[in-house]
Amino acid sequence: MTSAAEQTRSDIVAMLPRLRRFARALTGSLADADDIVQIAVERALMRMDQYQQGTRLDSWLFSITRNAWIDEARSRTRRGKVFAPAGAGEQVGGEADVHAKLEADDVWTAMRKLPDEQREAVALVCVEGLAYREAADALGVPIGTLTSRLARGREALQIMLGGAR
């Protein structure tokens, strides 16, 4: 039989792809996203005693990931450095892959142009599929604030991407 801690660790591992997508939306870079997720998972594992069994693990992890990015962004401002340029080391395959990658790159480029608050809301609701209440909880804001950030973010993306996609 598995203990609650073992199950939580297993659930954290299952969340890695979603955390990576969210971190990429925050950072705009796969390499930076991987670094932020590593930091976030390390923090989560060290603070597992703070996780309340029966609550939303994904919201808790998204919140830790967001805070890890905020800490890193502040640190970079002080250092004046960036880990790696966006897109460094990414590879593409055939022609269909190239077109799909270019389209995805357009979306990620547009996402990076959004203010942080809007980008976080769009990433959690539209990319990760969190309900509004869950996303609001993960960001620590009232649901009305989340919905207005989300509406402004969606509208800005639609304009940047040249209409509905």
C-alpha atoms as a PDB file:
ATOM      1  CA  MET A   1       0.000   0.000   0.000  1.00  0.00           C
ATOM      2  CA  THR A   2       1.264   3.476  -0.850  1.00  0.00           C
ATOM      3  CA  SER A   3       1.577   6.203   1.715  1.00  0.00           C
ATOM      4  CA  ALA A   4       0.054   9.632   1.178  1.00  0.00           C
ATOM      5  CA  ALA A   5       3.548  11.129   0.699  1.00  0.00           C
ATOM      6  CA  GLU A   6       4.438   8.535  -1.950  1.00  0.00           C
ATOM      7  CA  GLN A   7       1.161   9.181  -3.749  1.00  0.00           C
ATOM      8  CA  THR A   8       1.755  12.940  -3.657  1.00  0.00           C
ATOM      9  CA  ARG A   9       5.258  12.435  -5.109  1.00  0.00           C
ATOM     10  CA  SER A  10       3.763  10.307  -7.863  1.00  0.00           C
ATOM     11  CA  ASP A  11       1.109  12.960  -8.562  1.00  0.00           C
ATOM     12  CA  ILE A  12       3.840  15.627  -8.757  1.00  0.00           C
ATOM     13  CA  VAL A  13       5.672  13.575 -11.379  1.00  0.00           C
ATOM     14  CA  ALA A  14       2.439  13.269 -13.371  1.00  0.00           C
ATOM     15  CA  MET A  15       2.100  17.078 -13.274  1.00  0.00           C
ATOM     16  CA  LEU A  16       5.524  17.723 -14.864  1.00  0.00           C
ATOM     17  CA  PRO A  17       4.270  18.259 -18.462  1.00  0.00           C
ATOM     18  CA  ARG A  18       1.642  20.744 -17.282  1.00  0.00           C
ATOM     19  CA  LEU A  19       4.144  22.569 -15.050  1.00  0.00           C
ATOM     20  CA  ARG A  20       6.580  22.763 -17.955  1.00  0.00           C
ATOM     21  CA  ARG A  21       3.926  24.254 -20.272  1.00  0.00           C
ATOM     22  CA  PHE A  22       2.973  26.802 -17.633  1.00  0.00           C
ATOM     23  CA  ALA A  23       6.615  27.664 -16.965  1.00  0.00           C
ATOM     24  CA  ARG A  24       7.222  28.093 -20.696  1.00  0.00           C
ATOM     25  CA  ALA A  25       4.291  30.491 -20.868  1.00  0.00           C
ATOM     26  CA  LEU A  26       5.878  32.468 -18.037  1.00  0.00           C
ATOM     27  CA  THR A  27       9.472  32.399 -19.277  1.00  0.00           C
ATOM     28  CA  GLY A  28       9.159  32.163 -23.059  1.00  0.00           C
ATOM     29  CA  SER A  29      11.991  29.635 -23.150  1.00  0.00           C
ATOM     30  CA  LEU A  30      12.116  25.846 -22.899  1.00  0.00           C
ATOM     31  CA  ALA A  31      15.461  25.895 -21.109  1.00  0.00           C
ATOM     32  CA  ASP A  32      14.288  28.484 -18.591  1.00  0.00           C
ATOM     33  CA  ALA A  33      10.998  26.612 -18.157  1.00  0.00           C
ATOM     34  CA  ASP A  34      12.869  23.417 -17.308  1.00  0.00           C
ATOM     35  CA  ASP A  35      14.996  25.286 -14.767  1.00  0.00           C
ATOM     36  CA  ILE A  36      11.936  26.885 -13.157  1.00  0.00           C
ATOM     37  CA  VAL A  37      10.092  23.553 -12.985  1.00  0.00           C
ATOM     38  CA  GLN A  38      13.133  21.953 -11.370  1.00  0.00           C
ATOM     39  CA  ILE A  39      13.214  24.708  -8.752  1.00  0.00           C
ATOM     40  CA  ALA A  40       9.455  24.437  -8.183  1.00  0.00           C
ATOM     41  CA  VAL A  41       9.465  20.655  -7.805  1.00  0.00           C
ATOM     42  CA  GLU A  42      12.404  20.829  -5.432  1.00  0.00           C
ATOM     43  CA  ARG A  43      10.519  23.382  -3.318  1.00  0.00           C
ATOM     44  CA  ALA A  44       7.355  21.293  -3.401  1.00  0.00           C
ATOM     45  CA  LEU A  45       9.186  18.161  -2.286  1.00  0.00           C
ATOM     46  CA  MET A  46      10.942  20.026   0.515  1.00  0.00           C
ATOM     47  CA  ARG A  47       7.614  21.496   1.675  1.00  0.00           C
ATOM     48  CA  MET A  48       5.340  18.500   1.224  1.00  0.00           C
ATOM     49  CA  ASP A  49       4.309  18.858   4.857  1.00  0.00           C
ATOM     50  CA  GLN A  50       2.659  22.165   3.870  1.00  0.00           C
ATOM     51  CA  TYR A  51       0.461  20.509   1.227  1.00  0.00           C
ATOM     52  CA  GLN A  52      -3.037  19.860   2.548  1.00  0.00           C
ATOM     53  CA  GLN A  53      -4.241  16.398   1.455  1.00  0.00           C
ATOM     54  CA  GLY A  54      -7.590  16.651  -0.299  1.00  0.00           C
ATOM     55  CA  THR A  55      -6.858  20.085  -1.827  1.00  0.00           C
ATOM     56  CA  ARG A  56      -5.887  20.792  -5.435  1.00  0.00           C
ATOM     57  CA  LEU A  57      -2.297  19.680  -5.951  1.00  0.00           C
ATOM     58  CA  ASP A  58      -2.158  21.341  -9.371  1.00  0.00           C
ATOM     59  CA  SER A  59      -3.096  24.756  -7.959  1.00  0.00           C
ATOM     60  CA  TRP A  60      -0.460  24.368  -5.238  1.00  0.00           C
ATOM     61  CA  LEU A  61       2.208  23.415  -7.795  1.00  0.00           C
ATOM     62  CA  PHE A  62       1.254  26.191 -10.236  1.00  0.00           C
ATOM     63  CA  SER A  63       1.527  28.688  -7.392  1.00  0.00           C
ATOM     64  CA  ILE A  64       4.977  27.389  -6.422  1.00  0.00           C
ATOM     65  CA  THR A  65       6.069  27.504 -10.093  1.00  0.00           C
ATOM     66  CA  ARG A  66       4.844  31.078 -10.466  1.00  0.00           C
ATOM     67  CA  ASN A  67       6.663  32.135  -7.302  1.00  0.00           C
ATOM     68  CA  ALA A  68       9.845  30.409  -8.504  1.00  0.00           C
ATOM     69  CA  TRP A  69       9.644  32.438 -11.730  1.00  0.00           C
ATOM     70  CA  ILE A  70       9.048  35.683  -9.829  1.00  0.00           C
ATOM     71  CA  ASP A  71      12.097  34.934  -7.689  1.00  0.00           C
ATOM     72  CA  GLU A  72      14.193  34.124 -10.762  1.00  0.00           C
ATOM     73  CA  ALA A  73      13.037  37.244 -12.640  1.00  0.00           C
ATOM     74  CA  ARG A  74      13.991  39.419  -9.664  1.00  0.00           C
ATOM     75  CA  SER A  75      17.334  37.666  -9.440  1.00  0.00           C
ATOM     76  CA  ARG A  76      17.972  38.203 -13.169  1.00  0.00           C
ATOM     77  CA  THR A  77      17.166  41.865 -12.837  1.00  0.00           C
ATOM     78  CA  ARG A  78      19.849  42.107 -10.179  1.00  0.00           C
ATOM     79  CA  ARG A  79      22.307  40.035 -12.219  1.00  0.00           C
ATOM     80  CA  GLY A  80      21.305  41.444 -15.607  1.00  0.00           C
ATOM     81  CA  LYS A  81      21.499  37.984 -17.214  1.00  0.00           C
ATOM     82  CA  VAL A  82      19.320  35.481 -19.052  1.00  0.00           C
ATOM     83  CA  PHE A  83      19.878  31.703 -18.906  1.00  0.00           C
ATOM     84  CA  ALA A  84      19.444  30.995 -22.629  1.00  0.00           C
ATOM     85  CA  PRO A  85      17.870  32.750 -25.601  1.00  0.00           C
ATOM     86  CA  ALA A  86      14.351  31.645 -26.504  1.00  0.00           C
ATOM     87  CA  GLY A  87      14.358  28.703 -28.868  1.00  0.00           C
ATOM     88  CA  ALA A  88      17.961  27.708 -28.210  1.00  0.00           C
ATOM     89  CA  GLY A  89      18.456  24.046 -28.979  1.00  0.00           C
ATOM     90  CA  GLU A  90      14.955  23.404 -30.314  1.00  0.00           C
ATOM     91  CA  GLN A  91      14.814  21.159 -33.370  1.00  0.00           C
ATOM     92  CA  VAL A  92      12.172  20.775 -36.052  1.00  0.00           C
ATOM     93  CA  GLY A  93      11.363  17.913 -38.404  1.00  0.00           C
ATOM     94  CA  GLY A  94       9.602  17.832 -41.793  1.00  0.00           C
ATOM     95  CA  GLU A  95       7.590  20.515 -43.572  1.00  0.00           C
ATOM     96  CA  ALA A  96       4.382  19.874 -41.616  1.00  0.00           C
ATOM     97  CA  ASP A  97       6.381  20.058 -38.400  1.00  0.00           C
ATOM     98  CA  VAL A  98       7.930  23.332 -39.544  1.00  0.00           C
ATOM     99  CA  HIS A  99       4.520  24.908 -40.203  1.00  0.00           C
ATOM    100  CA  ALA A 100       3.130  23.671 -36.893  1.00  0.00           C
ATOM    101  CA  LYS A 101       6.228  24.947 -35.076  1.00  0.00           C
ATOM    102  CA  LEU A 102       5.999  28.352 -36.774  1.00  0.00           C
ATOM    103  CA  GLU A 103       2.353  28.652 -35.748  1.00  0.00           C
ATOM    104  CA  ALA A 104       3.161  27.584 -32.176  1.00  0.00           C
ATOM    105  CA  ASP A 105       6.082  30.031 -32.135  1.00  0.00           C
ATOM    106  CA  ASP A 106       3.697  32.818 -33.182  1.00  0.00           C
ATOM    107  CA  VAL A 107       1.461  32.004 -30.220  1.00  0.00           C
ATOM    108  CA  TRP A 108       4.402  31.826 -27.764  1.00  0.00           C
ATOM    109  CA  THR A 109       5.791  35.101 -29.148  1.00  0.00           C
ATOM    110  CA  ALA A 110       2.407  36.761 -28.699  1.00  0.00           C
ATOM    111  CA  MET A 111       2.101  35.283 -25.189  1.00  0.00           C
ATOM    112  CA  ARG A 112       5.474  36.787 -24.223  1.00  0.00           C
ATOM    113  CA  LYS A 113       4.184  40.227 -25.249  1.00  0.00           C
ATOM    114  CA  LEU A 114       1.314  40.042 -22.772  1.00  0.00           C
ATOM    115  CA  PRO A 115       1.753  41.633 -19.362  1.00  0.00           C
ATOM    116  CA  ASP A 116       2.708  39.022 -16.751  1.00  0.00           C
ATOM    117  CA  GLU A 117      -0.719  39.036 -15.106  1.00  0.00           C
ATOM    118  CA  GLN A 118      -2.539  38.375 -18.384  1.00  0.00           C
ATOM    119  CA  ARG A 119      -0.009  35.749 -19.530  1.00  0.00           C
ATOM    120  CA  GLU A 120      -0.390  33.847 -16.232  1.00  0.00           C
ATOM    121  CA  ALA A 121      -4.198  33.892 -16.474  1.00  0.00           C
ATOM    122  CA  VAL A 122      -4.218  32.762 -20.122  1.00  0.00           C
ATOM    123  CA  ALA A 123      -1.669  30.018 -19.420  1.00  0.00           C
ATOM    124  CA  LEU A 124      -3.585  28.572 -16.482  1.00  0.00           C
ATOM    125  CA  VAL A 125      -7.078  28.736 -18.000  1.00  0.00           C
ATOM    126  CA  CYS A 126      -6.528  28.324 -21.750  1.00  0.00           C
ATOM    127  CA  VAL A 127      -3.406  26.159 -21.800  1.00  0.00           C
ATOM    128  CA  GLU A 128      -3.704  24.183 -18.566  1.00  0.00           C
ATOM    129  CA  GLY A 129      -7.492  24.023 -18.484  1.00  0.00           C
ATOM    130  CA  LEU A 130      -7.943  25.131 -14.892  1.00  0.00           C
ATOM    131  CA  ALA A 131     -11.371  26.378 -13.889  1.00  0.00           C
ATOM    132  CA  TYR A 132     -11.545  30.102 -13.169  1.00  0.00           C
ATOM    133  CA  ARG A 133     -11.764  29.532  -9.394  1.00  0.00           C
ATOM    134  CA  GLU A 134      -8.748  27.189  -9.463  1.00  0.00           C
ATOM    135  CA  ALA A 135      -6.676  29.630 -11.517  1.00  0.00           C
ATOM    136  CA  ALA A 136      -7.683  32.524  -9.264  1.00  0.00           C
ATOM    137  CA  ASP A 137      -6.629  30.485  -6.228  1.00  0.00           C
ATOM    138  CA  ALA A 138      -3.302  29.542  -7.834  1.00  0.00           C
ATOM    139  CA  LEU A 139      -2.578  33.214  -8.567  1.00  0.00           C
ATOM    140  CA  GLY A 140      -3.909  34.428  -5.230  1.00  0.00           C
ATOM    141  CA  VAL A 141      -6.393  36.878  -6.779  1.00  0.00           C
ATOM    142  CA  PRO A 142     -10.181  37.297  -6.656  1.00  0.00           C
ATOM    143  CA  ILE A 143     -12.075  35.533  -9.448  1.00  0.00           C
ATOM    144  CA  GLY A 144     -13.206  38.881 -10.906  1.00  0.00           C
ATOM    145  CA  THR A 145      -9.581  39.969 -11.255  1.00  0.00           C
ATOM    146  CA  LEU A 146      -8.747  36.704 -13.009  1.00  0.00           C
ATOM    147  CA  THR A 147     -11.646  37.043 -15.457  1.00  0.00           C
ATOM    148  CA  SER A 148     -10.719  40.596 -16.411  1.00  0.00           C
ATOM    149  CA  ARG A 149      -7.040  39.622 -16.894  1.00  0.00           C
ATOM    150  CA  LEU A 150      -8.138  36.656 -18.969  1.00  0.00           C
ATOM    151  CA  ALA A 151     -10.486  38.734 -21.135  1.00  0.00           C
ATOM    152  CA  ARG A 152      -7.819  41.379 -21.782  1.00  0.00           C
ATOM    153  CA  GLY A 153      -5.219  38.693 -22.492  1.00  0.00           C
ATOM    154  CA  ARG A 154      -7.439  36.819 -24.953  1.00  0.00           C
ATOM    155  CA  GLU A 155      -8.363  40.036 -26.734  1.00  0.00           C
ATOM    156  CA  ALA A 156      -4.707  41.095 -27.017  1.00  0.00           C
ATOM    157  CA  LEU A 157      -3.711  37.667 -28.344  1.00  0.00           C
ATOM    158  CA  GLN A 158      -6.472  37.726 -30.905  1.00  0.00           C
ATOM    159  CA  ILE A 159      -5.301  41.123 -32.155  1.00  0.00           C
ATOM    160  CA  MET A 160      -1.621  40.085 -32.218  1.00  0.00           C
ATOM    161  CA  LEU A 161      -2.385  36.863 -34.053  1.00  0.00           C
ATOM    162  CA  GLY A 162      -4.527  38.586 -36.668  1.00  0.00           C
ATOM    163  CA  GLY A 163      -8.020  37.483 -35.721  1.00  0.00           C
ATOM    164  CA  ALA A 164      -9.455  34.211 -34.468  1.00  0.00           C
ATOM    165  CA  ARG A 165      -7.231  31.119 -34.676  1.00  0.00           C
END
